[in-house]
Amino acid sequence: RGDVGAVKAATDAGAAAAKRVGELVSVHVIPRPHSDVEMILPQNTKGGFGGKSGGK
């Protein structure tokens, strides 16, 4: 969520880090997602891997 350029830079950095420690399967930025997409995205704002359970 945020400026597309900033999100792209963050995903590029994350992808590079993932490649260094293991296998990167996929990276995809949705530039203008439908507003309903927000309802299914994790609300974890502290970083890490979210999901419905908020696991890290």
PDB file of N, CA and C in Angstrom:
ATOM      1  N   ARG A   1       0.847  -1.168   0.000  1.00  0.00           N
ATOM      2  CA  ARG A   1       0.000   0.000   0.000  1.00  0.00           C
ATOM      3  C   ARG A   1       0.887   1.223   0.000  1.00  0.00           C
ATOM      4  N   GLY A   2       0.625   2.116  -0.898  1.00  0.00           N
ATOM      5  CA  GLY A   2       1.414   3.337  -0.959  1.00  0.00           C
ATOM      6  C   GLY A   2       1.746   3.704  -2.383  1.00  0.00           C
ATOM      7  N   ASP A   3       2.650   4.649  -2.525  1.00  0.00           N
ATOM      8  CA  ASP A   3       3.108   5.104  -3.829  1.00  0.00           C
ATOM      9  C   ASP A   3       3.688   3.926  -4.608  1.00  0.00           C
ATOM     10  N   VAL A   4       3.288   3.791  -5.868  1.00  0.00           N
ATOM     11  CA  VAL A   4       3.712   2.639  -6.672  1.00  0.00           C
ATOM     12  C   VAL A   4       5.234   2.548  -6.754  1.00  0.00           C
ATOM     13  N   GLY A   5       5.901   3.664  -6.936  1.00  0.00           N
ATOM     14  CA  GLY A   5       7.361   3.652  -7.013  1.00  0.00           C
ATOM     15  C   GLY A   5       8.012   3.180  -5.723  1.00  0.00           C
ATOM     16  N   ALA A   6       7.477   3.637  -4.598  1.00  0.00           N
ATOM     17  CA  ALA A   6       8.014   3.230  -3.299  1.00  0.00           C
ATOM     18  C   ALA A   6       7.745   1.753  -3.036  1.00  0.00           C
ATOM     19  N   VAL A   7       6.564   1.301  -3.404  1.00  0.00           N
ATOM     20  CA  VAL A   7       6.227  -0.113  -3.217  1.00  0.00           C
ATOM     21  C   VAL A   7       7.111  -0.981  -4.102  1.00  0.00           C
ATOM     22  N   LYS A   8       7.339  -0.550  -5.341  1.00  0.00           N
ATOM     23  CA  LYS A   8       8.203  -1.297  -6.262  1.00  0.00           C
ATOM     24  C   LYS A   8       9.625  -1.376  -5.712  1.00  0.00           C
ATOM     25  N   ALA A   9      10.129  -0.269  -5.190  1.00  0.00           N
ATOM     26  CA  ALA A   9      11.478  -0.271  -4.612  1.00  0.00           C
ATOM     27  C   ALA A   9      11.554  -1.223  -3.420  1.00  0.00           C
ATOM     28  N   ALA A  10      10.517  -1.224  -2.597  1.00  0.00           N
ATOM     29  CA  ALA A  10      10.497  -2.117  -1.434  1.00  0.00           C
ATOM     30  C   ALA A  10      10.436  -3.580  -1.856  1.00  0.00           C
ATOM     31  N   THR A  11       9.627  -3.891  -2.869  1.00  0.00           N
ATOM     32  CA  THR A  11       9.539  -5.285  -3.314  1.00  0.00           C
ATOM     33  C   THR A  11      10.834  -5.719  -3.993  1.00  0.00           C
ATOM     34  N   ASP A  12      11.481  -4.812  -4.707  1.00  0.00           N
ATOM     35  CA  ASP A  12      12.777  -5.143  -5.317  1.00  0.00           C
ATOM     36  C   ASP A  12      13.817  -5.455  -4.244  1.00  0.00           C
ATOM     37  N   ALA A  13      13.838  -4.652  -3.184  1.00  0.00           N
ATOM     38  CA  ALA A  13      14.782  -4.896  -2.089  1.00  0.00           C
ATOM     39  C   ALA A  13      14.469  -6.219  -1.394  1.00  0.00           C
ATOM     40  N   GLY A  14      13.195  -6.481  -1.172  1.00  0.00           N
ATOM     41  CA  GLY A  14      12.799  -7.744  -0.550  1.00  0.00           C
ATOM     42  C   GLY A  14      13.141  -8.935  -1.417  1.00  0.00           C
ATOM     43  N   ALA A  15      12.946  -8.789  -2.725  1.00  0.00           N
ATOM     44  CA  ALA A  15      13.270  -9.873  -3.656  1.00  0.00           C
ATOM     45  C   ALA A  15      14.770 -10.156  -3.650  1.00  0.00           C
ATOM     46  N   ALA A  16      15.578  -9.107  -3.633  1.00  0.00           N
ATOM     47  CA  ALA A  16      17.032  -9.293  -3.603  1.00  0.00           C
ATOM     48  C   ALA A  16      17.455 -10.006  -2.318  1.00  0.00           C
ATOM     49  N   ALA A  17      16.860  -9.621  -1.197  1.00  0.00           N
ATOM     50  CA  ALA A  17      17.179 -10.268   0.081  1.00  0.00           C
ATOM     51  C   ALA A  17      16.748 -11.731   0.069  1.00  0.00           C
ATOM     52  N   ALA A  18      15.577 -12.011  -0.483  1.00  0.00           N
ATOM     53  CA  ALA A  18      15.082 -13.392  -0.547  1.00  0.00           C
ATOM     54  C   ALA A  18      15.990 -14.260  -1.416  1.00  0.00           C
ATOM     55  N   LYS A  19      16.476 -13.707  -2.516  1.00  0.00           N
ATOM     56  CA  LYS A  19      17.376 -14.459  -3.397  1.00  0.00           C
ATOM     57  C   LYS A  19      18.686 -14.805  -2.692  1.00  0.00           C
ATOM     58  N   ARG A  20      19.142 -13.915  -1.808  1.00  0.00           N
ATOM     59  CA  ARG A  20      20.400 -14.165  -1.093  1.00  0.00           C
ATOM     60  C   ARG A  20      20.274 -15.302  -0.085  1.00  0.00           C
ATOM     61  N   VAL A  21      19.095 -15.481   0.496  1.00  0.00           N
ATOM     62  CA  VAL A  21      18.942 -16.491   1.545  1.00  0.00           C
ATOM     63  C   VAL A  21      18.205 -17.744   1.095  1.00  0.00           C
ATOM     64  N   GLY A  22      17.650 -17.727  -0.098  1.00  0.00           N
ATOM     65  CA  GLY A  22      16.905 -18.900  -0.560  1.00  0.00           C
ATOM     66  C   GLY A  22      16.345 -18.684  -1.946  1.00  0.00           C
ATOM     67  N   GLU A  23      15.223 -19.293  -2.186  1.00  0.00           N
ATOM     68  CA  GLU A  23      14.598 -19.254  -3.502  1.00  0.00           C
ATOM     69  C   GLU A  23      13.467 -18.238  -3.522  1.00  0.00           C
ATOM     70  N   LEU A  24      13.464 -17.383  -4.533  1.00  0.00           N
ATOM     71  CA  LEU A  24      12.385 -16.422  -4.735  1.00  0.00           C
ATOM     72  C   LEU A  24      11.432 -17.001  -5.760  1.00  0.00           C
ATOM     73  N   VAL A  25      10.173 -17.115  -5.405  1.00  0.00           N
ATOM     74  CA  VAL A  25       9.192 -17.713  -6.304  1.00  0.00           C
ATOM     75  C   VAL A  25       8.519 -16.660  -7.161  1.00  0.00           C
ATOM     76  N   SER A  26       8.098 -15.546  -6.563  1.00  0.00           N
ATOM     77  CA  SER A  26       7.345 -14.565  -7.329  1.00  0.00           C
ATOM     78  C   SER A  26       7.313 -13.213  -6.624  1.00  0.00           C
ATOM     79  N   VAL A  27       7.268 -12.155  -7.419  1.00  0.00           N
ATOM     80  CA  VAL A  27       7.064 -10.795  -6.925  1.00  0.00           C
ATOM     81  C   VAL A  27       6.085 -10.130  -7.876  1.00  0.00           C
ATOM     82  N   HIS A  28       5.074  -9.484  -7.320  1.00  0.00           N
ATOM     83  CA  HIS A  28       4.099  -8.807  -8.174  1.00  0.00           C
ATOM     84  C   HIS A  28       3.527  -7.605  -7.436  1.00  0.00           C
ATOM     85  N   VAL A  29       3.536  -6.452  -8.089  1.00  0.00           N
ATOM     86  CA  VAL A  29       2.941  -5.235  -7.534  1.00  0.00           C
ATOM     87  C   VAL A  29       1.662  -4.957  -8.306  1.00  0.00           C
ATOM     88  N   ILE A  30       0.564  -4.775  -7.578  1.00  0.00           N
ATOM     89  CA  ILE A  30      -0.710  -4.406  -8.204  1.00  0.00           C
ATOM     90  C   ILE A  30      -0.815  -2.887  -8.077  1.00  0.00           C
ATOM     91  N   PRO A  31      -0.617  -2.126  -9.175  1.00  0.00           N
ATOM     92  CA  PRO A  31      -0.543  -0.671  -9.086  1.00  0.00           C
ATOM     93  C   PRO A  31      -1.822   0.005  -8.590  1.00  0.00           C
ATOM     94  N   ARG A  32      -2.957  -0.432  -9.056  1.00  0.00           N
ATOM     95  CA  ARG A  32      -4.217   0.185  -8.658  1.00  0.00           C
ATOM     96  C   ARG A  32      -5.245  -0.900  -8.370  1.00  0.00           C
ATOM     97  N   PRO A  33      -5.118  -1.567  -7.220  1.00  0.00           N
ATOM     98  CA  PRO A  33      -6.045  -2.662  -6.921  1.00  0.00           C
ATOM     99  C   PRO A  33      -7.460  -2.145  -6.664  1.00  0.00           C
ATOM    100  N   HIS A  34      -8.430  -2.996  -6.902  1.00  0.00           N
ATOM    101  CA  HIS A  34      -9.824  -2.681  -6.595  1.00  0.00           C
ATOM    102  C   HIS A  34      -9.929  -2.401  -5.102  1.00  0.00           C
ATOM    103  N   SER A  35     -10.798  -1.507  -4.707  1.00  0.00           N
ATOM    104  CA  SER A  35     -10.917  -1.134  -3.292  1.00  0.00           C
ATOM    105  C   SER A  35     -11.282  -2.315  -2.397  1.00  0.00           C
ATOM    106  N   ASP A  36     -11.971  -3.317  -2.921  1.00  0.00           N
ATOM    107  CA  ASP A  36     -12.343  -4.485  -2.118  1.00  0.00           C
ATOM    108  C   ASP A  36     -11.143  -5.355  -1.753  1.00  0.00           C
ATOM    109  N   VAL A  37     -10.028  -5.198  -2.471  1.00  0.00           N
ATOM    110  CA  VAL A  37      -8.834  -5.990  -2.176  1.00  0.00           C
ATOM    111  C   VAL A  37      -8.342  -5.683  -0.761  1.00  0.00           C
ATOM    112  N   GLU A  38      -8.504  -4.451  -0.311  1.00  0.00           N
ATOM    113  CA  GLU A  38      -8.080  -4.061   1.037  1.00  0.00           C
ATOM    114  C   GLU A  38      -8.704  -4.944   2.113  1.00  0.00           C
ATOM    115  N   MET A  39      -9.911  -5.424   1.877  1.00  0.00           N
ATOM    116  CA  MET A  39     -10.613  -6.227   2.880  1.00  0.00           C
ATOM    117  C   MET A  39      -9.930  -7.568   3.134  1.00  0.00           C
ATOM    118  N   ILE A  40      -9.182  -8.101   2.157  1.00  0.00           N
ATOM    119  CA  ILE A  40      -8.565  -9.414   2.333  1.00  0.00           C
ATOM    120  C   ILE A  40      -7.075  -9.346   2.652  1.00  0.00           C
ATOM    121  N   LEU A  41      -6.485  -8.144   2.599  1.00  0.00           N
ATOM    122  CA  LEU A  41      -5.062  -8.001   2.889  1.00  0.00           C
ATOM    123  C   LEU A  41      -4.819  -7.959   4.390  1.00  0.00           C
ATOM    124  N   PRO A  42      -3.667  -8.470   4.830  1.00  0.00           N
ATOM    125  CA  PRO A  42      -3.349  -8.424   6.258  1.00  0.00           C
ATOM    126  C   PRO A  42      -3.225  -6.978   6.735  1.00  0.00           C
ATOM    127  N   GLN A  43      -3.579  -6.725   7.959  1.00  0.00           N
ATOM    128  CA  GLN A  43      -3.523  -5.384   8.533  1.00  0.00           C
ATOM    129  C   GLN A  43      -2.292  -5.183   9.410  1.00  0.00           C
ATOM    130  N   ASN A  44      -1.352  -6.129   9.394  1.00  0.00           N
ATOM    131  CA  ASN A  44      -0.138  -6.058  10.196  1.00  0.00           C
ATOM    132  C   ASN A  44       0.726  -4.903   9.701  1.00  0.00           C
ATOM    133  N   THR A  45       0.938  -3.869  10.522  1.00  0.00           N
ATOM    134  CA  THR A  45       1.736  -2.716  10.105  1.00  0.00           C
ATOM    135  C   THR A  45       3.156  -2.755  10.655  1.00  0.00           C
ATOM    136  N   LYS A  46       3.517  -3.809  11.384  1.00  0.00           N
ATOM    137  CA  LYS A  46       4.848  -3.906  11.983  1.00  0.00           C
ATOM    138  C   LYS A  46       5.830  -4.651  11.093  1.00  0.00           C
ATOM    139  N   GLY A  47       5.440  -4.987   9.869  1.00  0.00           N
ATOM    140  CA  GLY A  47       6.322  -5.719   8.976  1.00  0.00           C
ATOM    141  C   GLY A  47       6.195  -7.206   9.187  1.00  0.00           C
ATOM    142  N   GLY A  48       6.959  -7.967   8.458  1.00  0.00           N
ATOM    143  CA  GLY A  48       6.878  -9.421   8.570  1.00  0.00           C
ATOM    144  C   GLY A  48       5.745  -9.962   7.730  1.00  0.00           C
ATOM    145  N   PHE A  49       5.577 -11.262   7.789  1.00  0.00           N
ATOM    146  CA  PHE A  49       4.539 -11.920   7.005  1.00  0.00           C
ATOM    147  C   PHE A  49       3.249 -11.904   7.791  1.00  0.00           C
ATOM    148  N   GLY A  50       2.197 -11.388   7.188  1.00  0.00           N
ATOM    149  CA  GLY A  50       0.911 -11.276   7.870  1.00  0.00           C
ATOM    150  C   GLY A  50       0.015 -12.445   7.580  1.00  0.00           C
ATOM    151  N   GLY A  51      -1.177 -12.166   7.139  1.00  0.00           N
ATOM    152  CA  GLY A  51      -2.177 -13.194   6.911  1.00  0.00           C
ATOM    153  C   GLY A  51      -3.310 -13.018   7.894  1.00  0.00           C
ATOM    154  N   LYS A  52      -4.352 -13.804   7.736  1.00  0.00           N
ATOM    155  CA  LYS A  52      -5.518 -13.678   8.607  1.00  0.00           C
ATOM    156  C   LYS A  52      -5.159 -13.848  10.078  1.00  0.00           C
ATOM    157  N   SER A  53      -4.224 -14.768  10.379  1.00  0.00           N
ATOM    158  CA  SER A  53      -3.872 -15.019  11.774  1.00  0.00           C
ATOM    159  C   SER A  53      -2.857 -14.012  12.310  1.00  0.00           C
ATOM    160  N   GLY A  54      -2.267 -13.203  11.411  1.00  0.00           N
ATOM    161  CA  GLY A  54      -1.265 -12.230  11.835  1.00  0.00           C
ATOM    162  C   GLY A  54       0.053 -12.855  12.234  1.00  0.00           C
ATOM    163  N   GLY A  55       0.312 -14.088  11.778  1.00  0.00           N
ATOM    164  CA  GLY A  55       1.550 -14.784  12.126  1.00  0.00           C
ATOM    165  C   GLY A  55       2.764 -14.105  11.558  1.00  0.00           C
ATOM    166  N   LYS A  56       3.908 -14.357  12.204  1.00  0.00           N
ATOM    167  CA  LYS A  56       5.150 -13.721  11.743  1.00  0.00           C
ATOM    168  C   LYS A  56       6.179 -14.762  11.432  1.00  0.00           C
TER     169      LYS A  56
END
